[in-house]
Protein backbone atom coordinates (compact mmCIF):
# COMPACT_ATOMS: atom_id res chain seq x y z
CA MET A 1 -29.00 23.42 -6.30
CA LYS A 2 -24.98 23.57 -5.79
CA LYS A 3 -23.06 21.13 -7.44
CA ILE A 4 -20.28 19.93 -5.76
CA GLU A 5 -17.81 17.66 -6.12
CA ILE A 6 -17.27 14.43 -4.47
CA TYR A 7 -15.08 11.57 -4.27
CA THR A 8 -14.70 8.51 -2.74
CA ASP A 9 -12.97 5.20 -1.81
CA GLY A 10 -13.02 1.93 1.06
CA ALA A 11 -10.19 -0.13 1.56
CA CYS A 12 -10.25 -3.35 3.94
CA SER A 13 -6.36 -4.43 5.22
CA LYS A 14 -8.15 -8.23 4.61
CA ASN A 15 -11.41 -9.13 2.72
CA PRO A 16 -12.97 -9.26 5.24
CA GLY A 17 -11.24 -7.62 7.41
CA GLU A 18 -10.41 -3.78 9.15
CA GLY A 19 -11.96 -1.41 6.62
CA GLY A 20 -12.03 1.99 6.22
CA TYR A 21 -13.23 4.98 4.53
CA GLY A 22 -12.21 8.32 2.55
CA ILE A 23 -14.05 11.23 1.18
CA VAL A 24 -13.45 14.59 -0.53
CA PHE A 25 -15.37 17.11 -1.34
CA LEU A 26 -14.67 20.40 -3.44
CA TYR A 27 -17.19 23.06 -3.89
CA LYS A 28 -16.32 27.05 -4.99
CA GLY A 29 -12.31 25.47 -4.95
CA ALA A 30 -13.34 24.47 -0.86
CA ARG A 31 -12.30 21.10 -0.09
CA LYS A 32 -13.40 19.05 2.55
CA GLU A 33 -11.88 15.62 3.59
CA MET A 34 -12.83 13.17 6.05
CA SER A 35 -12.42 9.31 7.18
CA ALA A 36 -13.48 6.93 9.77
CA GLY A 37 -12.55 2.71 10.08
CA TYR A 38 -14.35 0.09 10.93
CA LYS A 39 -13.14 -3.47 13.45
CA LEU A 40 -14.61 -5.93 11.11
CA THR A 41 -16.96 -4.99 7.41
CA THR A 42 -15.18 -5.65 3.50
CA ASN A 43 -14.22 -3.03 1.14
CA ASN A 44 -17.44 -3.18 -0.85
CA ARG A 45 -19.81 -1.93 2.51
CA MET A 46 -16.79 0.33 2.97
CA GLU A 47 -17.12 1.74 -0.81
CA MET A 48 -20.66 1.81 -0.03
CA LEU A 49 -20.34 3.32 3.08
CA ALA A 50 -18.56 6.30 1.43
CA VAL A 51 -20.59 7.14 -0.85
CA ILE A 52 -24.00 6.85 1.44
CA ARG A 53 -21.68 9.60 4.05
CA ALA A 54 -20.58 11.74 1.64
CA LEU A 55 -24.17 12.52 0.86
CA GLU A 56 -25.48 12.41 4.28
CA VAL A 57 -23.33 15.18 5.48
CA LEU A 58 -24.97 17.48 2.55
CA LYS A 59 -27.08 20.12 4.82
CA GLU A 60 -29.47 20.65 1.89
CA PRO A 61 -30.43 19.12 -1.81
CA CYS A 62 -27.35 19.24 -4.45
CA ASP A 63 -25.92 18.28 -7.67
CA VAL A 64 -23.27 15.88 -7.44
CA THR A 65 -20.90 14.81 -9.17
CA LEU A 66 -19.33 11.29 -7.75
CA TYR A 67 -16.06 9.55 -8.29
CA SER A 68 -15.96 6.26 -7.67
CA ASP A 69 -13.36 3.55 -8.14
CA SER A 70 -15.70 0.91 -7.02
CA LYS A 71 -17.60 -1.18 -10.25
CA TYR A 72 -19.61 -2.71 -7.72
CA VAL A 73 -21.58 0.48 -6.72
CA VAL A 74 -21.21 2.93 -9.81
CA ASP A 75 -22.42 -0.36 -12.16
CA SER A 76 -25.17 -1.02 -9.46
CA ILE A 77 -27.10 2.70 -9.94
CA THR A 78 -25.53 3.31 -13.60
CA LYS A 79 -27.06 0.30 -14.79
CA GLY A 80 -30.04 -0.08 -12.61
CA TRP A 81 -29.35 -3.14 -11.14
CA VAL A 82 -30.10 -2.54 -7.68
CA TYR A 83 -33.40 -0.45 -8.53
CA ASN A 84 -34.44 -4.37 -9.74
CA TRP A 85 -33.10 -5.96 -6.48
CA LYS A 86 -35.40 -3.60 -4.61
CA LYS A 87 -38.42 -4.22 -7.26
CA LYS A 88 -38.20 -8.46 -6.26
CA ASN A 89 -37.34 -7.76 -3.04
CA TRP A 90 -33.52 -8.06 -2.91
CA ILE A 91 -33.87 -10.28 -4.64
CA LYS A 92 -30.70 -10.51 -7.44
CA SER A 93 -30.86 -12.06 -11.57
CA ASP A 94 -29.61 -15.34 -10.54
CA LYS A 95 -32.24 -15.79 -7.85
CA LYS A 96 -29.82 -14.60 -5.06
CA LYS A 97 -30.11 -12.23 -2.25
CA ALA A 98 -27.81 -8.90 -2.63
CA ILE A 99 -25.95 -8.24 -0.02
CA ASN A 100 -25.56 -5.36 1.59
CA VAL A 101 -28.89 -5.10 2.20
CA ASP A 102 -28.90 -2.41 3.92
CA LEU A 103 -26.14 -0.58 3.29
CA TRP A 104 -28.17 0.17 -0.30
CA GLU A 105 -31.07 0.77 0.83
CA ARG A 106 -29.63 4.27 2.62
CA MET A 107 -28.09 5.40 -0.57
CA LEU A 108 -31.36 4.87 -2.28
CA GLU A 109 -32.13 7.52 0.38
CA MET A 110 -29.67 10.10 -0.24
CA LEU A 111 -30.11 10.01 -4.14
CA GLU A 112 -33.95 10.36 -3.61
CA LYS A 113 -32.01 13.85 -2.06
CA HIS A 114 -29.51 14.78 -4.39
CA LYS A 115 -29.31 14.79 -8.16
CA VAL A 116 -25.76 12.04 -8.53
CA GLU A 117 -24.11 11.82 -11.39
CA PHE A 118 -21.62 8.35 -11.20
CA VAL A 119 -18.48 8.29 -12.07
CA TRP A 120 -16.01 5.57 -12.51
CA VAL A 121 -12.42 6.30 -11.88
CA LYS A 122 -9.76 3.59 -12.53
CA GLY A 123 -8.17 3.36 -9.04
CA HIS A 124 -4.35 3.38 -8.62
CA ALA A 125 -4.16 4.91 -11.59
CA ASN A 126 -2.51 8.58 -10.60
CA ASN A 127 -6.05 10.78 -9.72
CA VAL A 128 -4.94 12.54 -6.86
CA GLU A 129 -7.81 12.88 -5.61
CA ASN A 130 -8.70 9.04 -5.41
CA GLU A 131 -5.43 8.68 -4.47
CA ARG A 132 -6.28 10.77 -1.38
CA CYS A 133 -9.19 9.41 -0.78
CA ASP A 134 -7.49 6.40 -0.36
CA GLU A 135 -4.70 7.05 1.82
CA LEU A 136 -7.78 8.39 3.91
CA ALA A 137 -8.77 5.32 4.31
CA ARG A 138 -6.32 3.43 4.87
CA GLU A 139 -5.23 6.24 7.75
CA ALA A 140 -8.64 5.77 9.31
CA ILE A 141 -7.68 1.77 9.48
CA LYS A 142 -4.51 2.59 10.84
CA SER A 143 -5.30 5.05 13.96
CA GLY A 144 -7.04 2.41 15.68
CA ASN A 145 -9.85 4.30 15.86
CA LEU A 146 -12.80 1.62 14.65
CA LEU A 147 -15.98 1.58 15.02
CA GLU A 148 -18.35 -1.38 14.76
CA ASP A 149 -19.86 -1.91 11.51
CA GLU A 150 -23.31 -3.21 13.50
CA ASN A 151 -25.55 -4.97 10.11
CA TYR A 152 -22.42 -6.58 8.49
CA CYS A 153 -22.99 -10.27 9.02
CA GLY A 154 -19.48 -11.68 8.40
């Protein structure tokens, strides 16, 4: 399996509001960047979509170290919360329905394909790649070329 490092970040101008994500791929000294913006979404959805899109574009199963500043994403996976929500038909321990189920299902599908280690990094703390992802996400929002987050239910 190819070993790849991926940094992801999501951003929203308002929450909910216009949003975007940024991704940096690092593999054997090569670098690739990717981003997209959305008309109406949430910060958590953009954090999740960054992870999903990063994994979806990989052409074969990979051994991934994925860095994110989203506790929502990292903790939901590493602490097993999302797996429990799914087992309980997307009901959380507080008996409320889990949100962003469409994206969790996509993410779980990608996690079956790739070996992924999630690493939380503190946002806005001078981590060069995390800062670059934030910049990419914000540039995507400002681009005006915004997509529809079709499953966002505000």
